[in-house]
């Protein structure tokens, strides 16, 4: 089992719709379909694709225009090898 407690997102590539490839600090790239993850008050606005594409890379993860973000270890576990 990998130790991913201190993992960070170091790169992001928007693919299409709600899918992105994320590169992590351990060098692995994971593809994630975010649509099933967009639940709750902070994430609901991101179900509008015009809002979803308004993201940026912070020093540890990706963050959207409204301050919504996911923990890098959560994203790593959700992704599939790209």
PDB file of N, CA and C in Angstrom:
ATOM      1  N   UNK A   1       0.836  -1.182   0.000  1.00  0.00           N
ATOM      2  CA  UNK A   1       0.000   0.000   0.000  1.00  0.00           C
ATOM      3  C   UNK A   1       0.883   1.248   0.000  1.00  0.00           C
ATOM      4  N   UNK A   2       0.538   2.190  -0.843  1.00  0.00           N
ATOM      5  CA  UNK A   2       1.324   3.407  -0.964  1.00  0.00           C
ATOM      6  C   UNK A   2       1.019   4.369   0.178  1.00  0.00           C
ATOM      7  N   UNK A   3       2.054   5.094   0.619  1.00  0.00           N
ATOM      8  CA  UNK A   3       1.864   6.153   1.600  1.00  0.00           C
ATOM      9  C   UNK A   3       1.577   7.434   0.828  1.00  0.00           C
ATOM     10  N   UNK A   4       0.322   7.865   0.837  1.00  0.00           N
ATOM     11  CA  UNK A   4      -0.052   9.051   0.055  1.00  0.00           C
ATOM     12  C   UNK A   4      -0.526  10.189   0.954  1.00  0.00           C
ATOM     13  N   UNK A   5      -0.195  10.124   2.248  1.00  0.00           N
ATOM     14  CA  UNK A   5      -0.639  11.156   3.183  1.00  0.00           C
ATOM     15  C   UNK A   5      -0.134  12.543   2.812  1.00  0.00           C
ATOM     16  N   UNK A   6       1.061  12.640   2.271  1.00  0.00           N
ATOM     17  CA  UNK A   6       1.647  13.937   1.957  1.00  0.00           C
ATOM     18  C   UNK A   6       1.684  14.206   0.454  1.00  0.00           C
ATOM     19  N   UNK A   7       0.891  13.516  -0.295  1.00  0.00           N
ATOM     20  CA  UNK A   7       0.887  13.673  -1.743  1.00  0.00           C
ATOM     21  C   UNK A   7       0.258  15.009  -2.132  1.00  0.00           C
ATOM     22  N   UNK A   8       0.736  15.587  -3.236  1.00  0.00           N
ATOM     23  CA  UNK A   8       0.199  16.846  -3.748  1.00  0.00           C
ATOM     24  C   UNK A   8      -0.143  16.678  -5.220  1.00  0.00           C
ATOM     25  N   UNK A   9      -1.039  17.510  -5.705  1.00  0.00           N
ATOM     26  CA  UNK A   9      -1.323  17.594  -7.133  1.00  0.00           C
ATOM     27  C   UNK A   9      -0.313  18.592  -7.704  1.00  0.00           C
ATOM     28  N   UNK A  10       0.452  18.151  -8.707  1.00  0.00           N
ATOM     29  CA  UNK A  10       1.489  19.014  -9.277  1.00  0.00           C
ATOM     30  C   UNK A  10       1.181  19.444 -10.701  1.00  0.00           C
ATOM     31  N   UNK A  11       0.174  18.839 -11.309  1.00  0.00           N
ATOM     32  CA  UNK A  11      -0.204  19.219 -12.665  1.00  0.00           C
ATOM     33  C   UNK A  11      -1.633  18.817 -12.953  1.00  0.00           C
ATOM     34  N   UNK A  12      -2.261  19.545 -13.873  1.00  0.00           N
ATOM     35  CA  UNK A  12      -3.646  19.242 -14.232  1.00  0.00           C
ATOM     36  C   UNK A  12      -3.822  19.457 -15.725  1.00  0.00           C
ATOM     37  N   UNK A  13      -4.520  18.518 -16.350  1.00  0.00           N
ATOM     38  CA  UNK A  13      -4.862  18.618 -17.765  1.00  0.00           C
ATOM     39  C   UNK A  13      -6.362  18.373 -17.898  1.00  0.00           C
ATOM     40  N   UNK A  14      -7.080  19.381 -18.348  1.00  0.00           N
ATOM     41  CA  UNK A  14      -8.507  19.234 -18.582  1.00  0.00           C
ATOM     42  C   UNK A  14      -8.682  18.414 -19.857  1.00  0.00           C
ATOM     43  N   UNK A  15      -9.485  17.351 -19.799  1.00  0.00           N
ATOM     44  CA  UNK A  15      -9.709  16.478 -20.955  1.00  0.00           C
ATOM     45  C   UNK A  15     -10.987  16.899 -21.676  1.00  0.00           C
ATOM     46  N   UNK A  16     -12.125  16.683 -21.044  1.00  0.00           N
ATOM     47  CA  UNK A  16     -13.422  17.098 -21.584  1.00  0.00           C
ATOM     48  C   UNK A  16     -14.479  16.866 -20.525  1.00  0.00           C
ATOM     49  N   UNK A  17     -15.628  17.489 -20.724  1.00  0.00           N
ATOM     50  CA  UNK A  17     -16.747  17.351 -19.789  1.00  0.00           C
ATOM     51  C   UNK A  17     -16.243  17.552 -18.352  1.00  0.00           C
ATOM     52  N   UNK A  18     -16.336  16.533 -17.523  1.00  0.00           N
ATOM     53  CA  UNK A  18     -15.928  16.630 -16.119  1.00  0.00           C
ATOM     54  C   UNK A  18     -14.700  15.764 -15.832  1.00  0.00           C
ATOM     55  N   UNK A  19     -13.914  15.505 -16.860  1.00  0.00           N
ATOM     56  CA  UNK A  19     -12.770  14.611 -16.744  1.00  0.00           C
ATOM     57  C   UNK A  19     -11.454  15.378 -16.844  1.00  0.00           C
ATOM     58  N   UNK A  20     -10.541  15.055 -15.936  1.00  0.00           N
ATOM     59  CA  UNK A  20      -9.207  15.650 -15.922  1.00  0.00           C
ATOM     60  C   UNK A  20      -8.168  14.574 -15.662  1.00  0.00           C
ATOM     61  N   UNK A  21      -6.964  14.817 -16.156  1.00  0.00           N
ATOM     62  CA  UNK A  21      -5.795  14.054 -15.745  1.00  0.00           C
ATOM     63  C   UNK A  21      -5.048  14.889 -14.724  1.00  0.00           C
ATOM     64  N   UNK A  22      -4.776  14.297 -13.573  1.00  0.00           N
ATOM     65  CA  UNK A  22      -4.018  14.977 -12.530  1.00  0.00           C
ATOM     66  C   UNK A  22      -2.683  14.280 -12.346  1.00  0.00           C
ATOM     67  N   UNK A  23      -1.619  15.074 -12.294  1.00  0.00           N
ATOM     68  CA  UNK A  23      -0.301  14.539 -11.988  1.00  0.00           C
ATOM     69  C   UNK A  23      -0.023  14.791 -10.517  1.00  0.00           C
ATOM     70  N   UNK A  24       0.537  13.781  -9.857  1.00  0.00           N
ATOM     71  CA  UNK A  24       0.782  13.862  -8.427  1.00  0.00           C
ATOM     72  C   UNK A  24       2.277  13.921  -8.140  1.00  0.00           C
ATOM     73  N   UNK A  25       2.609  14.321  -6.932  1.00  0.00           N
ATOM     74  CA  UNK A  25       4.001  14.530  -6.543  1.00  0.00           C
ATOM     75  C   UNK A  25       4.839  13.256  -6.559  1.00  0.00           C
ATOM     76  N   UNK A  26       4.200  12.092  -6.646  1.00  0.00           N
ATOM     77  CA  UNK A  26       4.948  10.842  -6.764  1.00  0.00           C
ATOM     78  C   UNK A  26       5.178  10.465  -8.228  1.00  0.00           C
ATOM     79  N   UNK A  27       4.780  11.352  -9.165  1.00  0.00           N
ATOM     80  CA  UNK A  27       5.006  11.126 -10.586  1.00  0.00           C
ATOM     81  C   UNK A  27       3.879  10.416 -11.303  1.00  0.00           C
ATOM     82  N   UNK A  28       2.905   9.908 -10.578  1.00  0.00           N
ATOM     83  CA  UNK A  28       1.794   9.181 -11.214  1.00  0.00           C
ATOM     84  C   UNK A  28       0.752  10.149 -11.755  1.00  0.00           C
ATOM     85  N   UNK A  29       0.107   9.734 -12.843  1.00  0.00           N
ATOM     86  CA  UNK A  29      -0.981  10.496 -13.442  1.00  0.00           C
ATOM     87  C   UNK A  29      -2.256   9.677 -13.313  1.00  0.00           C
ATOM     88  N   UNK A  30      -3.278  10.306 -12.782  1.00  0.00           N
ATOM     89  CA  UNK A  30      -4.576   9.647 -12.588  1.00  0.00           C
ATOM     90  C   UNK A  30      -5.652  10.421 -13.332  1.00  0.00           C
ATOM     91  N   UNK A  31      -6.545   9.685 -13.993  1.00  0.00           N
ATOM     92  CA  UNK A  31      -7.681  10.306 -14.662  1.00  0.00           C
ATOM     93  C   UNK A  31      -8.892  10.224 -13.741  1.00  0.00           C
ATOM     94  N   UNK A  32      -9.591  11.349 -13.627  1.00  0.00           N
ATOM     95  CA  UNK A  32     -10.730  11.427 -12.712  1.00  0.00           C
ATOM     96  C   UNK A  32     -11.932  12.012 -13.434  1.00  0.00           C
ATOM     97  N   UNK A  33     -13.073  11.331 -13.286  1.00  0.00           N
ATOM     98  CA  UNK A  33     -14.362  11.880 -13.700  1.00  0.00           C
ATOM     99  C   UNK A  33     -14.955  12.509 -12.445  1.00  0.00           C
ATOM    100  N   UNK A  34     -15.007  13.830 -12.425  1.00  0.00           N
ATOM    101  CA  UNK A  34     -15.448  14.546 -11.233  1.00  0.00           C
ATOM    102  C   UNK A  34     -16.960  14.574 -11.053  1.00  0.00           C
ATOM    103  N   UNK A  35     -17.724  14.326 -12.098  1.00  0.00           N
ATOM    104  CA  UNK A  35     -19.172  14.495 -12.013  1.00  0.00           C
ATOM    105  C   UNK A  35     -19.797  13.768 -10.812  1.00  0.00           C
ATOM    106  N   UNK A  36     -19.470  12.494 -10.562  1.00  0.00           N
ATOM    107  CA  UNK A  36     -20.085  11.826  -9.399  1.00  0.00           C
ATOM    108  C   UNK A  36     -19.648  12.411  -8.049  1.00  0.00           C
ATOM    109  N   UNK A  37     -18.571  13.191  -8.037  1.00  0.00           N
ATOM    110  CA  UNK A  37     -18.047  13.756  -6.786  1.00  0.00           C
ATOM    111  C   UNK A  37     -18.649  15.116  -6.450  1.00  0.00           C
ATOM    112  N   UNK A  38     -19.380  15.698  -7.397  1.00  0.00           N
ATOM    113  CA  UNK A  38     -19.875  17.065  -7.225  1.00  0.00           C
ATOM    114  C   UNK A  38     -21.209  17.084  -6.493  1.00  0.00           C
ATOM    115  N   UNK A  39     -21.131  16.851  -5.191  1.00  0.00           N
ATOM    116  CA  UNK A  39     -22.311  16.819  -4.327  1.00  0.00           C
ATOM    117  C   UNK A  39     -22.095  17.758  -3.159  1.00  0.00           C
ATOM    118  N   UNK A  40     -23.157  18.335  -2.668  1.00  0.00           N
ATOM    119  CA  UNK A  40     -23.074  19.224  -1.516  1.00  0.00           C
ATOM    120  C   UNK A  40     -23.017  20.678  -1.927  1.00  0.00           C
ATOM    121  N   UNK A  41     -23.193  21.543  -0.956  1.00  0.00           N
ATOM    122  CA  UNK A  41     -23.337  22.979  -1.196  1.00  0.00           C
ATOM    123  C   UNK A  41     -22.160  23.589  -1.960  1.00  0.00           C
ATOM    124  N   UNK A  42     -20.931  23.235  -1.601  1.00  0.00           N
ATOM    125  CA  UNK A  42     -19.758  23.819  -2.258  1.00  0.00           C
ATOM    126  C   UNK A  42     -19.580  23.316  -3.689  1.00  0.00           C
ATOM    127  N   UNK A  43     -19.942  22.065  -3.931  1.00  0.00           N
ATOM    128  CA  UNK A  43     -19.656  21.452  -5.223  1.00  0.00           C
ATOM    129  C   UNK A  43     -20.817  21.523  -6.210  1.00  0.00           C
ATOM    130  N   UNK A  44     -22.022  21.758  -5.732  1.00  0.00           N
ATOM    131  CA  UNK A  44     -23.200  21.802  -6.603  1.00  0.00           C
ATOM    132  C   UNK A  44     -23.052  22.812  -7.756  1.00  0.00           C
ATOM    133  N   UNK A  45     -22.512  24.023  -7.520  1.00  0.00           N
ATOM    134  CA  UNK A  45     -22.356  24.967  -8.632  1.00  0.00           C
ATOM    135  C   UNK A  45     -21.438  24.452  -9.747  1.00  0.00           C
ATOM    136  N   UNK A  46     -20.572  23.511  -9.417  1.00  0.00           N
ATOM    137  CA  UNK A  46     -19.634  22.985 -10.403  1.00  0.00           C
ATOM    138  C   UNK A  46     -20.287  21.989 -11.359  1.00  0.00           C
ATOM    139  N   UNK A  47     -21.519  21.611 -11.090  1.00  0.00           N
ATOM    140  CA  UNK A  47     -22.241  20.730 -12.016  1.00  0.00           C
ATOM    141  C   UNK A  47     -22.584  21.476 -13.306  1.00  0.00           C
ATOM    142  N   UNK A  48     -22.506  22.800 -13.273  1.00  0.00           N
ATOM    143  CA  UNK A  48     -22.616  23.618 -14.476  1.00  0.00           C
ATOM    144  C   UNK A  48     -21.214  23.644 -15.086  1.00  0.00           C
ATOM    145  N   UNK A  49     -21.058  23.097 -16.277  1.00  0.00           N
ATOM    146  CA  UNK A  49     -19.742  22.957 -16.895  1.00  0.00           C
ATOM    147  C   UNK A  49     -19.021  24.295 -17.039  1.00  0.00           C
ATOM    148  N   UNK A  50     -19.775  25.372 -17.224  1.00  0.00           N
ATOM    149  CA  UNK A  50     -19.141  26.708 -17.323  1.00  0.00           C
ATOM    150  C   UNK A  50     -18.427  27.062 -16.028  1.00  0.00           C
ATOM    151  N   UNK A  51     -18.950  26.608 -14.903  1.00  0.00           N
ATOM    152  CA  UNK A  51     -18.290  26.828 -13.618  1.00  0.00           C
ATOM    153  C   UNK A  51     -17.171  25.819 -13.385  1.00  0.00           C
ATOM    154  N   UNK A  52     -17.394  24.589 -13.799  1.00  0.00           N
ATOM    155  CA  UNK A  52     -16.414  23.531 -13.556  1.00  0.00           C
ATOM    156  C   UNK A  52     -15.056  23.857 -14.169  1.00  0.00           C
ATOM    157  N   UNK A  53     -15.063  24.453 -15.347  1.00  0.00           N
ATOM    158  CA  UNK A  53     -13.791  24.722 -16.034  1.00  0.00           C
ATOM    159  C   UNK A  53     -13.042  25.921 -15.446  1.00  0.00           C
ATOM    160  N   UNK A  54     -13.602  26.571 -14.450  1.00  0.00           N
ATOM    161  CA  UNK A  54     -12.938  27.705 -13.800  1.00  0.00           C
ATOM    162  C   UNK A  54     -12.157  27.219 -12.576  1.00  0.00           C
ATOM    163  N   UNK A  55     -11.037  26.562 -12.832  1.00  0.00           N
ATOM    164  CA  UNK A  55     -10.212  25.995 -11.774  1.00  0.00           C
ATOM    165  C   UNK A  55      -8.776  26.466 -11.932  1.00  0.00           C
ATOM    166  N   UNK A  56      -8.015  26.282 -10.883  1.00  0.00           N
ATOM    167  CA  UNK A  56      -6.591  26.583 -10.921  1.00  0.00           C
ATOM    168  C   UNK A  56      -5.832  25.616 -10.035  1.00  0.00           C
ATOM    169  N   UNK A  57      -4.545  25.574 -10.217  1.00  0.00           N
ATOM    170  CA  UNK A  57      -3.670  24.708  -9.430  1.00  0.00           C
ATOM    171  C   UNK A  57      -3.088  25.524  -8.280  1.00  0.00           C
ATOM    172  N   UNK A  58      -3.307  25.070  -7.056  1.00  0.00           N
ATOM    173  CA  UNK A  58      -2.712  25.723  -5.889  1.00  0.00           C
ATOM    174  C   UNK A  58      -1.393  25.013  -5.586  1.00  0.00           C
ATOM    175  N   UNK A  59      -0.829  25.284  -4.436  1.00  0.00           N
ATOM    176  CA  UNK A  59       0.436  24.629  -4.072  1.00  0.00           C
ATOM    177  C   UNK A  59       0.262  23.159  -3.680  1.00  0.00           C
ATOM    178  N   UNK A  60      -1.000  22.700  -3.551  1.00  0.00           N
ATOM    179  CA  UNK A  60      -1.181  21.293  -3.147  1.00  0.00           C
ATOM    180  C   UNK A  60      -2.318  20.562  -3.851  1.00  0.00           C
ATOM    181  N   UNK A  61      -3.254  21.278  -4.492  1.00  0.00           N
ATOM    182  CA  UNK A  61      -4.387  20.620  -5.142  1.00  0.00           C
ATOM    183  C   UNK A  61      -4.990  21.563  -6.184  1.00  0.00           C
ATOM    184  N   UNK A  62      -6.103  21.155  -6.776  1.00  0.00           N
ATOM    185  CA  UNK A  62      -6.822  22.065  -7.661  1.00  0.00           C
ATOM    186  C   UNK A  62      -7.941  22.722  -6.871  1.00  0.00           C
ATOM    187  N   UNK A  63      -8.244  23.965  -7.229  1.00  0.00           N
ATOM    188  CA  UNK A  63      -9.284  24.712  -6.541  1.00  0.00           C
ATOM    189  C   UNK A  63     -10.122  25.444  -7.576  1.00  0.00           C
ATOM    190  N   UNK A  64     -11.425  25.510  -7.319  1.00  0.00           N
ATOM    191  CA  UNK A  64     -12.345  26.172  -8.228  1.00  0.00           C
ATOM    192  C   UNK A  64     -12.591  27.611  -7.822  1.00  0.00           C
ATOM    193  N   UNK A  65     -13.249  28.332  -8.705  1.00  0.00           N
ATOM    194  CA  UNK A  65     -13.524  29.768  -8.540  1.00  0.00           C
ATOM    195  C   UNK A  65     -14.210  30.097  -7.216  1.00  0.00           C
ATOM    196  N   UNK A  66     -14.991  29.160  -6.692  1.00  0.00           N
ATOM    197  CA  UNK A  66     -15.758  29.418  -5.471  1.00  0.00           C
ATOM    198  C   UNK A  66     -15.054  28.911  -4.207  1.00  0.00           C
ATOM    199  N   UNK A  67     -13.811  28.492  -4.333  1.00  0.00           N
ATOM    200  CA  UNK A  67     -13.057  28.007  -3.176  1.00  0.00           C
ATOM    201  C   UNK A  67     -13.180  26.517  -2.923  1.00  0.00           C
ATOM    202  N   UNK A  68     -13.978  25.822  -3.707  1.00  0.00           N
ATOM    203  CA  UNK A  68     -14.133  24.370  -3.543  1.00  0.00           C
ATOM    204  C   UNK A  68     -12.844  23.662  -3.947  1.00  0.00           C
ATOM    205  N   UNK A  69     -12.478  22.645  -3.183  1.00  0.00           N
ATOM    206  CA  UNK A  69     -11.332  21.811  -3.536  1.00  0.00           C
ATOM    207  C   UNK A  69     -11.495  20.430  -2.909  1.00  0.00           C
ATOM    208  N   UNK A  70     -10.651  19.528  -3.345  1.00  0.00           N
ATOM    209  CA  UNK A  70     -10.618  18.167  -2.798  1.00  0.00           C
ATOM    210  C   UNK A  70      -9.221  17.907  -2.254  1.00  0.00           C
ATOM    211  N   UNK A  71      -9.126  17.122  -1.197  1.00  0.00           N
ATOM    212  CA  UNK A  71      -7.827  16.722  -0.664  1.00  0.00           C
ATOM    213  C   UNK A  71      -7.091  15.881  -1.713  1.00  0.00           C
ATOM    214  N   UNK A  72      -5.792  16.104  -1.880  1.00  0.00           N
ATOM    215  CA  UNK A  72      -5.042  15.366  -2.884  1.00  0.00           C
ATOM    216  C   UNK A  72      -5.090  13.847  -2.701  1.00  0.00           C
ATOM    217  N   UNK A  73      -5.047  13.365  -1.461  1.00  0.00           N
ATOM    218  CA  UNK A  73      -5.089  11.918  -1.251  1.00  0.00           C
ATOM    219  C   UNK A  73      -6.441  11.341  -1.668  1.00  0.00           C
ATOM    220  N   UNK A  74      -7.517  12.107  -1.477  1.00  0.00           N
ATOM    221  CA  UNK A  74      -8.847  11.678  -1.931  1.00  0.00           C
ATOM    222  C   UNK A  74      -8.859  11.571  -3.457  1.00  0.00           C
ATOM    223  N   UNK A  75      -8.333  12.601  -4.136  1.00  0.00           N
ATOM    224  CA  UNK A  75      -8.294  12.587  -5.589  1.00  0.00           C
ATOM    225  C   UNK A  75      -7.458  11.415  -6.115  1.00  0.00           C
ATOM    226  N   UNK A  76      -6.356  11.159  -5.452  1.00  0.00           N
ATOM    227  CA  UNK A  76      -5.489  10.053  -5.860  1.00  0.00           C
ATOM    228  C   UNK A  76      -6.228   8.723  -5.795  1.00  0.00           C
ATOM    229  N   UNK A  77      -6.995   8.528  -4.733  1.00  0.00           N
ATOM    230  CA  UNK A  77      -7.754   7.281  -4.565  1.00  0.00           C
ATOM    231  C   UNK A  77      -8.905   7.172  -5.559  1.00  0.00           C
ATOM    232  N   UNK A  78      -9.476   8.319  -5.982  1.00  0.00           N
ATOM    233  CA  UNK A  78     -10.601   8.315  -6.915  1.00  0.00           C
ATOM    234  C   UNK A  78     -10.165   8.062  -8.349  1.00  0.00           C
ATOM    235  N   UNK A  79      -8.926   8.402  -8.657  1.00  0.00           N
ATOM    236  CA  UNK A  79      -8.465   8.334 -10.035  1.00  0.00           C
ATOM    237  C   UNK A  79      -8.108   6.935 -10.492  1.00  0.00           C
ATOM    238  N   UNK A  80      -8.086   6.788 -11.806  1.00  0.00           N
ATOM    239  CA  UNK A  80      -7.596   5.559 -12.438  1.00  0.00           C
ATOM    240  C   UNK A  80      -6.321   5.927 -13.203  1.00  0.00           C
ATOM    241  N   UNK A  81      -5.399   4.988 -13.302  1.00  0.00           N
ATOM    242  CA  UNK A  81      -4.155   5.265 -14.008  1.00  0.00           C
ATOM    243  C   UNK A  81      -4.437   5.731 -15.423  1.00  0.00           C
ATOM    244  N   UNK A  82      -3.790   6.825 -15.790  1.00  0.00           N
ATOM    245  CA  UNK A  82      -3.996   7.396 -17.134  1.00  0.00           C
ATOM    246  C   UNK A  82      -2.933   6.891 -18.089  1.00  0.00           C
TER     247      UNK A  82
END
